[in-house]
Amino acid sequence: MKKINGVLTLICLAFVLFSCSSDDNGGSDVDDIAAVGTWRLTALNINPPQDIDMDGTPTDNILEELLCATGTIIIAEDGSWGSTIENLSITTITGGLFIISCSGSETQSSGSWLLQGNQLTLFRDFSSVIFTLDGDTLTNNSNEDLPGFQSEVYQRQ
């Protein structure tokens, strides 16, 4: 009887040890913690450069001239994310010039995320956006000319 109890104890112990593998953490790796946090928009780069505030100095980063342009991404450990971004109005004038202003409204988005190596993918509905994670910097390079954006850069807060 003691042998049976000992064998059953070993089987139960083995079952517990093997059922608690490293992949039982909700689908996220230990490295995924690198993406978790609050990220603030620090650059919204455009091409061609524009003089949005009409001070005589064009820039390729909208945030240098348009203080109302803001954005935040919050990435949670549970695999979800949410963002709030100030909507911009971009109107073509002529000759590569644009009028860019804040619309006074924000867009809020949310979804799930996945980190593979240094590539962070934010999934929303039926679309996704890919960012490159480099330390405390997230960068999305879309490489579009105005009225699109070259890139958006977020810093960890």
N, C-alpha and C. Protein backbone atom coordinates (compact mmCIF):
# COMPACT_ATOMS: atom_id res chain seq x y z
N MET A 1 0.82 -1.19 0.00
CA MET A 1 0.00 0.00 0.00
C MET A 1 0.86 1.25 0.00
N LYS A 2 1.99 1.20 0.78
CA LYS A 2 2.88 2.35 0.82
C LYS A 2 3.50 2.61 -0.54
N LYS A 3 3.82 1.52 -1.28
CA LYS A 3 4.38 1.68 -2.62
C LYS A 3 3.39 2.35 -3.56
N ILE A 4 2.12 1.99 -3.47
CA ILE A 4 1.09 2.58 -4.33
C ILE A 4 0.93 4.06 -4.01
N ASN A 5 0.87 4.41 -2.72
CA ASN A 5 0.77 5.82 -2.34
C ASN A 5 1.98 6.62 -2.81
N GLY A 6 3.16 6.02 -2.70
CA GLY A 6 4.39 6.70 -3.15
C GLY A 6 4.38 6.92 -4.65
N VAL A 7 3.96 5.90 -5.39
CA VAL A 7 3.88 6.01 -6.85
C VAL A 7 2.84 7.05 -7.25
N LEU A 8 1.69 7.02 -6.60
CA LEU A 8 0.65 8.02 -6.91
C LEU A 8 1.12 9.43 -6.59
N THR A 9 1.85 9.59 -5.50
CA THR A 9 2.39 10.90 -5.13
C THR A 9 3.37 11.38 -6.20
N LEU A 10 4.24 10.48 -6.67
CA LEU A 10 5.20 10.85 -7.71
C LEU A 10 4.50 11.21 -9.02
N ILE A 11 3.47 10.46 -9.37
CA ILE A 11 2.71 10.74 -10.59
C ILE A 11 2.04 12.11 -10.49
N CYS A 12 1.43 12.38 -9.34
CA CYS A 12 0.78 13.68 -9.14
C CYS A 12 1.79 14.82 -9.19
N LEU A 13 2.93 14.63 -8.58
CA LEU A 13 3.98 15.64 -8.59
C LEU A 13 4.48 15.88 -10.01
N ALA A 14 4.69 14.81 -10.76
CA ALA A 14 5.14 14.93 -12.15
C ALA A 14 4.09 15.66 -12.98
N PHE A 15 2.82 15.33 -12.76
CA PHE A 15 1.74 16.00 -13.49
C PHE A 15 1.75 17.50 -13.22
N VAL A 16 1.91 17.89 -11.97
CA VAL A 16 1.94 19.30 -11.59
C VAL A 16 3.13 20.00 -12.23
N LEU A 17 4.30 19.38 -12.19
CA LEU A 17 5.49 19.99 -12.75
C LEU A 17 5.39 20.17 -14.26
N PHE A 18 4.90 19.17 -14.96
CA PHE A 18 4.81 19.25 -16.41
C PHE A 18 3.65 20.10 -16.89
N SER A 19 2.63 20.27 -16.10
CA SER A 19 1.49 21.08 -16.52
C SER A 19 1.76 22.57 -16.32
N CYS A 20 2.79 22.93 -15.61
CA CYS A 20 3.13 24.33 -15.36
C CYS A 20 4.33 24.71 -16.21
N SER A 21 4.18 24.67 -17.52
CA SER A 21 5.29 25.01 -18.40
C SER A 21 5.37 26.52 -18.59
N SER A 22 6.47 26.98 -19.19
CA SER A 22 6.72 28.41 -19.34
C SER A 22 5.79 29.08 -20.34
N ASP A 23 5.03 28.31 -21.12
CA ASP A 23 4.13 28.92 -22.09
C ASP A 23 2.72 29.13 -21.53
N ASP A 24 2.53 28.96 -20.24
CA ASP A 24 1.21 29.13 -19.63
C ASP A 24 1.04 30.51 -19.02
N ASN A 25 1.46 31.56 -19.73
CA ASN A 25 1.36 32.90 -19.19
C ASN A 25 0.47 33.79 -20.04
N GLY A 26 -0.60 33.23 -20.56
CA GLY A 26 -1.54 34.02 -21.32
C GLY A 26 -1.05 34.39 -22.71
N GLY A 27 -0.05 33.69 -23.21
CA GLY A 27 0.41 33.95 -24.56
C GLY A 27 1.50 35.00 -24.64
N SER A 28 1.97 35.51 -23.53
CA SER A 28 3.03 36.50 -23.61
C SER A 28 4.32 35.93 -23.07
N ASP A 29 5.41 36.34 -23.68
CA ASP A 29 6.73 35.90 -23.26
C ASP A 29 7.25 36.83 -22.18
N VAL A 30 8.30 36.40 -21.50
CA VAL A 30 8.93 37.23 -20.49
C VAL A 30 9.38 38.54 -21.12
N ASP A 31 9.87 38.50 -22.38
CA ASP A 31 10.33 39.70 -23.07
C ASP A 31 9.20 40.66 -23.39
N ASP A 32 7.95 40.20 -23.42
CA ASP A 32 6.82 41.07 -23.74
C ASP A 32 6.69 42.22 -22.77
N ILE A 33 7.21 42.07 -21.57
CA ILE A 33 7.12 43.14 -20.58
C ILE A 33 7.82 44.40 -21.09
N ALA A 34 8.74 44.25 -22.04
CA ALA A 34 9.45 45.39 -22.61
C ALA A 34 8.50 46.37 -23.30
N ALA A 35 7.37 45.89 -23.78
CA ALA A 35 6.41 46.75 -24.48
C ALA A 35 5.37 47.34 -23.55
N VAL A 36 5.19 46.77 -22.38
CA VAL A 36 4.14 47.19 -21.46
C VAL A 36 4.46 48.57 -20.89
N GLY A 37 3.46 49.45 -20.90
CA GLY A 37 3.64 50.77 -20.30
C GLY A 37 2.84 51.83 -21.03
N THR A 38 3.09 53.07 -20.66
CA THR A 38 2.45 54.22 -21.28
C THR A 38 3.47 54.89 -22.18
N TRP A 39 3.06 55.14 -23.42
CA TRP A 39 3.93 55.70 -24.44
C TRP A 39 3.33 57.03 -24.92
N ARG A 40 4.16 58.08 -24.98
CA ARG A 40 3.70 59.41 -25.39
C ARG A 40 4.30 59.76 -26.75
N LEU A 41 3.46 60.31 -27.63
CA LEU A 41 3.90 60.73 -28.95
C LEU A 41 4.92 61.85 -28.81
N THR A 42 6.12 61.66 -29.38
CA THR A 42 7.18 62.66 -29.30
C THR A 42 7.60 63.20 -30.66
N ALA A 43 7.23 62.51 -31.74
CA ALA A 43 7.54 63.00 -33.08
C ALA A 43 6.50 62.48 -34.05
N LEU A 44 6.04 63.36 -34.90
CA LEU A 44 5.13 63.01 -35.99
C LEU A 44 5.75 63.63 -37.24
N ASN A 45 6.53 62.83 -37.95
CA ASN A 45 7.36 63.34 -39.04
C ASN A 45 6.64 63.34 -40.37
N ILE A 46 6.87 64.42 -41.13
CA ILE A 46 6.20 64.62 -42.41
C ILE A 46 7.23 64.93 -43.50
N ASN A 47 6.79 64.78 -44.73
CA ASN A 47 7.58 65.17 -45.90
C ASN A 47 6.62 65.66 -46.97
N PRO A 48 6.83 66.82 -47.55
CA PRO A 48 7.94 67.74 -47.32
C PRO A 48 7.75 68.55 -46.02
N PRO A 49 8.87 69.09 -45.47
CA PRO A 49 8.76 69.92 -44.27
C PRO A 49 7.81 71.09 -44.50
N GLN A 50 7.13 71.51 -43.43
CA GLN A 50 6.14 72.59 -43.52
C GLN A 50 6.40 73.62 -42.42
N ASP A 51 6.01 74.88 -42.69
CA ASP A 51 6.09 75.94 -41.69
C ASP A 51 4.67 76.15 -41.14
N ILE A 52 4.25 75.26 -40.27
CA ILE A 52 2.88 75.22 -39.77
C ILE A 52 2.54 76.47 -38.96
N ASP A 53 3.48 76.91 -38.11
CA ASP A 53 3.20 78.07 -37.26
C ASP A 53 3.60 79.40 -37.90
N MET A 54 4.00 79.37 -39.17
CA MET A 54 4.32 80.56 -39.98
C MET A 54 5.41 81.43 -39.34
N ASP A 55 6.43 80.79 -38.73
CA ASP A 55 7.54 81.55 -38.14
C ASP A 55 8.74 81.65 -39.07
N GLY A 56 8.60 81.16 -40.29
CA GLY A 56 9.68 81.23 -41.27
C GLY A 56 10.61 80.03 -41.26
N THR A 57 10.36 79.06 -40.36
CA THR A 57 11.21 77.88 -40.26
C THR A 57 10.38 76.62 -40.45
N PRO A 58 10.50 75.99 -41.61
CA PRO A 58 9.77 74.73 -41.80
C PRO A 58 10.40 73.60 -41.00
N THR A 59 9.60 72.62 -40.65
CA THR A 59 10.09 71.46 -39.91
C THR A 59 9.48 70.19 -40.48
N ASP A 60 10.15 69.08 -40.21
CA ASP A 60 9.57 67.80 -40.62
C ASP A 60 8.87 67.09 -39.47
N ASN A 61 8.91 67.69 -38.24
CA ASN A 61 8.21 67.13 -37.08
C ASN A 61 7.07 68.07 -36.70
N ILE A 62 5.84 67.64 -36.96
CA ILE A 62 4.66 68.46 -36.68
C ILE A 62 4.62 68.92 -35.22
N LEU A 63 5.08 68.10 -34.30
CA LEU A 63 4.98 68.44 -32.88
C LEU A 63 5.81 69.66 -32.50
N GLU A 64 6.82 70.01 -33.29
CA GLU A 64 7.63 71.20 -33.01
C GLU A 64 6.85 72.48 -33.29
N GLU A 65 5.84 72.41 -34.14
CA GLU A 65 5.10 73.61 -34.54
C GLU A 65 3.63 73.59 -34.19
N LEU A 66 3.12 72.45 -33.81
CA LEU A 66 1.70 72.32 -33.54
C LEU A 66 1.53 71.67 -32.16
N LEU A 67 1.51 72.50 -31.12
CA LEU A 67 1.53 72.01 -29.74
C LEU A 67 0.30 71.20 -29.36
N CYS A 68 -0.80 71.38 -30.08
CA CYS A 68 -2.02 70.64 -29.75
C CYS A 68 -1.98 69.19 -30.26
N ALA A 69 -1.00 68.87 -31.09
CA ALA A 69 -0.88 67.50 -31.62
C ALA A 69 -0.30 66.60 -30.53
N THR A 70 -1.13 65.70 -30.01
CA THR A 70 -0.72 64.81 -28.93
C THR A 70 -1.21 63.39 -29.20
N GLY A 71 -0.59 62.45 -28.51
CA GLY A 71 -1.02 61.07 -28.62
C GLY A 71 -0.42 60.23 -27.50
N THR A 72 -1.17 59.24 -27.06
CA THR A 72 -0.72 58.32 -26.02
C THR A 72 -1.18 56.92 -26.37
N ILE A 73 -0.29 55.96 -26.15
CA ILE A 73 -0.63 54.54 -26.29
C ILE A 73 -0.35 53.88 -24.94
N ILE A 74 -1.31 53.12 -24.44
CA ILE A 74 -1.13 52.37 -23.20
C ILE A 74 -1.17 50.89 -23.56
N ILE A 75 -0.08 50.20 -23.26
CA ILE A 75 0.03 48.77 -23.55
C ILE A 75 -0.02 48.02 -22.22
N ALA A 76 -1.01 47.14 -22.09
CA ALA A 76 -1.24 46.42 -20.83
C ALA A 76 -0.66 45.02 -20.88
N GLU A 77 -0.33 44.49 -19.71
CA GLU A 77 0.23 43.14 -19.60
C GLU A 77 -0.74 42.05 -20.07
N ASP A 78 -2.03 42.34 -20.03
CA ASP A 78 -3.02 41.32 -20.40
C ASP A 78 -3.17 41.15 -21.92
N GLY A 79 -2.31 41.83 -22.71
CA GLY A 79 -2.36 41.69 -24.16
C GLY A 79 -3.27 42.69 -24.84
N SER A 80 -3.77 43.67 -24.09
CA SER A 80 -4.63 44.70 -24.69
C SER A 80 -3.87 46.03 -24.76
N TRP A 81 -4.35 46.92 -25.61
CA TRP A 81 -3.79 48.26 -25.71
C TRP A 81 -4.93 49.25 -25.97
N GLY A 82 -4.65 50.51 -25.67
CA GLY A 82 -5.60 51.58 -25.95
C GLY A 82 -4.82 52.83 -26.30
N SER A 83 -5.40 53.67 -27.14
CA SER A 83 -4.71 54.91 -27.51
C SER A 83 -5.70 56.06 -27.62
N THR A 84 -5.17 57.25 -27.43
CA THR A 84 -5.91 58.48 -27.64
C THR A 84 -5.00 59.38 -28.47
N ILE A 85 -5.47 59.79 -29.64
CA ILE A 85 -4.69 60.59 -30.57
C ILE A 85 -5.52 61.80 -30.99
N GLU A 86 -4.89 62.99 -30.97
CA GLU A 86 -5.54 64.21 -31.45
C GLU A 86 -5.68 64.10 -32.97
N ASN A 87 -6.88 64.34 -33.47
CA ASN A 87 -7.12 64.30 -34.91
C ASN A 87 -6.54 65.56 -35.56
N LEU A 88 -5.88 65.38 -36.69
CA LEU A 88 -5.32 66.50 -37.43
C LEU A 88 -6.09 66.70 -38.72
N SER A 89 -6.20 67.94 -39.11
CA SER A 89 -6.79 68.30 -40.39
C SER A 89 -5.65 68.71 -41.32
N ILE A 90 -5.52 68.02 -42.44
CA ILE A 90 -4.46 68.31 -43.40
C ILE A 90 -5.11 68.64 -44.73
N THR A 91 -4.89 69.87 -45.19
CA THR A 91 -5.50 70.36 -46.43
C THR A 91 -4.40 70.74 -47.41
N THR A 92 -4.47 70.22 -48.63
CA THR A 92 -3.50 70.56 -49.66
C THR A 92 -3.78 71.97 -50.17
N ILE A 93 -2.72 72.78 -50.25
CA ILE A 93 -2.88 74.13 -50.83
C ILE A 93 -2.43 74.04 -52.29
N THR A 94 -1.12 74.15 -52.52
CA THR A 94 -0.54 74.02 -53.84
C THR A 94 0.98 74.01 -53.71
N GLY A 95 1.67 73.50 -54.69
CA GLY A 95 3.13 73.53 -54.70
C GLY A 95 3.78 72.85 -53.52
N GLY A 96 3.19 71.76 -53.04
CA GLY A 96 3.78 71.03 -51.93
C GLY A 96 3.50 71.65 -50.57
N LEU A 97 2.60 72.62 -50.50
CA LEU A 97 2.25 73.25 -49.24
C LEU A 97 0.92 72.72 -48.73
N PHE A 98 0.82 72.66 -47.40
CA PHE A 98 -0.37 72.11 -46.75
C PHE A 98 -0.73 72.99 -45.56
N ILE A 99 -2.00 73.03 -45.25
CA ILE A 99 -2.46 73.61 -43.99
C ILE A 99 -2.70 72.45 -43.05
N ILE A 100 -2.03 72.47 -41.89
CA ILE A 100 -2.16 71.40 -40.91
C ILE A 100 -2.60 72.01 -39.60
N SER A 101 -3.68 71.50 -39.05
CA SER A 101 -4.19 72.03 -37.77
C SER A 101 -4.84 70.90 -36.98
N CYS A 102 -4.98 71.15 -35.67
CA CYS A 102 -5.69 70.19 -34.83
C CYS A 102 -7.18 70.39 -35.04
N SER A 103 -7.90 69.30 -35.11
CA SER A 103 -9.34 69.38 -35.40
C SER A 103 -10.17 69.65 -34.16
N GLY A 104 -9.57 69.49 -32.98
CA GLY A 104 -10.32 69.68 -31.74
C GLY A 104 -11.03 68.43 -31.27
N SER A 105 -10.77 67.32 -31.94
CA SER A 105 -11.37 66.05 -31.52
C SER A 105 -10.28 64.98 -31.44
N GLU A 106 -10.55 63.94 -30.70
CA GLU A 106 -9.60 62.86 -30.52
C GLU A 106 -10.19 61.55 -31.02
N THR A 107 -9.30 60.66 -31.42
CA THR A 107 -9.69 59.31 -31.78
C THR A 107 -9.17 58.37 -30.71
N GLN A 108 -10.06 57.53 -30.21
CA GLN A 108 -9.66 56.51 -29.24
C GLN A 108 -9.77 55.15 -29.92
N SER A 109 -8.73 54.36 -29.76
CA SER A 109 -8.68 53.03 -30.37
C SER A 109 -8.22 52.03 -29.32
N SER A 110 -8.50 50.77 -29.58
CA SER A 110 -8.04 49.72 -28.68
C SER A 110 -8.01 48.40 -29.43
N GLY A 111 -7.35 47.43 -28.82
CA GLY A 111 -7.26 46.12 -29.44
C GLY A 111 -6.30 45.25 -28.66
N SER A 112 -5.68 44.32 -29.37
CA SER A 112 -4.70 43.42 -28.76
C SER A 112 -3.34 43.69 -29.39
N TRP A 113 -2.31 43.17 -28.76
CA TRP A 113 -0.96 43.38 -29.27
C TRP A 113 -0.13 42.11 -29.19
N LEU A 114 0.95 42.10 -29.99
CA LEU A 114 1.86 40.97 -30.02
C LEU A 114 3.27 41.51 -30.25
N LEU A 115 4.22 41.08 -29.44
CA LEU A 115 5.62 41.46 -29.60
C LEU A 115 6.40 40.25 -30.08
N GLN A 116 7.03 40.37 -31.24
CA GLN A 116 7.88 39.32 -31.78
C GLN A 116 9.24 39.94 -32.07
N GLY A 117 10.23 39.58 -31.28
CA GLY A 117 11.55 40.22 -31.40
C GLY A 117 11.40 41.67 -31.01
N ASN A 118 11.74 42.57 -31.94
CA ASN A 118 11.56 44.00 -31.66
C ASN A 118 10.39 44.59 -32.45
N GLN A 119 9.54 43.74 -33.01
CA GLN A 119 8.38 44.19 -33.78
C GLN A 119 7.11 44.09 -32.95
N LEU A 120 6.53 45.23 -32.63
CA LEU A 120 5.28 45.28 -31.86
C LEU A 120 4.13 45.52 -32.83
N THR A 121 3.19 44.60 -32.86
CA THR A 121 2.03 44.73 -33.73
C THR A 121 0.81 45.05 -32.88
N LEU A 122 0.15 46.16 -33.21
CA LEU A 122 -1.10 46.54 -32.55
C LEU A 122 -2.24 46.14 -33.48
N PHE A 123 -3.10 45.25 -33.00
CA PHE A 123 -4.24 44.78 -33.79
C PHE A 123 -5.49 45.53 -33.36
N ARG A 124 -6.28 45.97 -34.35
CA ARG A 124 -7.55 46.65 -34.09
C ARG A 124 -8.52 46.23 -35.18
N ASP A 125 -9.65 45.69 -34.76
CA ASP A 125 -10.65 45.21 -35.72
C ASP A 125 -9.98 44.33 -36.76
N PHE A 126 -9.98 44.77 -38.01
CA PHE A 126 -9.41 43.96 -39.09
C PHE A 126 -8.14 44.57 -39.65
N SER A 127 -7.48 45.44 -38.86
CA SER A 127 -6.25 46.06 -39.32
C SER A 127 -5.18 45.96 -38.24
N SER A 128 -3.96 46.31 -38.61
CA SER A 128 -2.86 46.29 -37.65
C SER A 128 -1.84 47.36 -38.01
N VAL A 129 -1.07 47.76 -37.02
CA VAL A 129 0.02 48.72 -37.20
C VAL A 129 1.26 48.11 -36.56
N ILE A 130 2.39 48.18 -37.26
CA ILE A 130 3.62 47.60 -36.75
C ILE A 130 4.58 48.71 -36.31
N PHE A 131 5.07 48.58 -35.08
CA PHE A 131 6.05 49.48 -34.52
C PHE A 131 7.34 48.71 -34.30
N THR A 132 8.45 49.41 -34.35
CA THR A 132 9.74 48.86 -33.97
C THR A 132 10.04 49.33 -32.56
N LEU A 133 10.34 48.39 -31.67
CA LEU A 133 10.67 48.70 -30.28
C LEU A 133 12.18 48.74 -30.13
N ASP A 134 12.69 49.88 -29.68
CA ASP A 134 14.12 50.05 -29.45
C ASP A 134 14.30 50.72 -28.09
N GLY A 135 14.45 49.90 -27.05
CA GLY A 135 14.58 50.43 -25.69
C GLY A 135 13.29 51.10 -25.25
N ASP A 136 13.35 52.41 -25.03
CA ASP A 136 12.18 53.18 -24.61
C ASP A 136 11.55 53.95 -25.75
N THR A 137 11.76 53.50 -26.99
CA THR A 137 11.23 54.18 -28.17
C THR A 137 10.44 53.20 -29.04
N LEU A 138 9.23 53.61 -29.43
CA LEU A 138 8.41 52.88 -30.39
C LEU A 138 8.32 53.73 -31.65
N THR A 139 8.61 53.14 -32.82
CA THR A 139 8.58 53.88 -34.07
C THR A 139 7.76 53.13 -35.10
N ASN A 140 6.84 53.85 -35.75
CA ASN A 140 6.07 53.31 -36.87
C ASN A 140 6.52 54.09 -38.11
N ASN A 141 7.20 53.42 -39.01
CA ASN A 141 7.66 54.04 -40.25
C ASN A 141 6.69 53.70 -41.37
N SER A 142 5.87 54.67 -41.75
CA SER A 142 4.96 54.44 -42.87
C SER A 142 5.53 55.00 -44.17
N ASN A 143 6.51 55.91 -44.07
CA ASN A 143 7.23 56.46 -45.22
C ASN A 143 6.32 57.06 -46.28
N GLU A 144 5.24 57.70 -45.86
CA GLU A 144 4.32 58.35 -46.79
C GLU A 144 4.59 59.85 -46.80
N ASP A 145 4.44 60.45 -47.96
CA ASP A 145 4.51 61.92 -48.07
C ASP A 145 3.17 62.49 -47.70
N LEU A 146 3.17 63.81 -47.38
CA LEU A 146 1.90 64.46 -47.05
C LEU A 146 0.90 64.25 -48.18
N PRO A 147 -0.33 64.01 -47.85
CA PRO A 147 -0.99 64.17 -46.56
C PRO A 147 -0.81 63.01 -45.60
N GLY A 148 0.07 62.07 -45.91
CA GLY A 148 0.41 60.97 -44.99
C GLY A 148 1.60 61.36 -44.13
N PHE A 149 2.08 60.43 -43.34
CA PHE A 149 3.18 60.68 -42.42
C PHE A 149 4.37 59.79 -42.75
N GLN A 150 5.56 60.32 -42.55
CA GLN A 150 6.78 59.54 -42.70
C GLN A 150 6.90 58.54 -41.55
N SER A 151 6.73 59.05 -40.32
CA SER A 151 6.84 58.18 -39.15
C SER A 151 6.20 58.84 -37.94
N GLU A 152 5.87 58.00 -36.96
CA GLU A 152 5.43 58.47 -35.66
C GLU A 152 6.29 57.78 -34.62
N VAL A 153 6.72 58.57 -33.61
CA VAL A 153 7.65 58.07 -32.61
C VAL A 153 7.04 58.31 -31.23
N TYR A 154 7.07 57.28 -30.40
CA TYR A 154 6.55 57.35 -29.03
C TYR A 154 7.69 57.03 -28.06
N GLN A 155 7.70 57.71 -26.92
CA GLN A 155 8.66 57.46 -25.85
C GLN A 155 7.92 56.90 -24.65
N ARG A 156 8.57 55.94 -23.96
CA ARG A 156 7.99 55.38 -22.74
C ARG A 156 7.96 56.45 -21.67
N GLN A 157 6.86 56.50 -20.93
CA GLN A 157 6.72 57.48 -19.82
C GLN A 157 7.02 56.86 -18.50
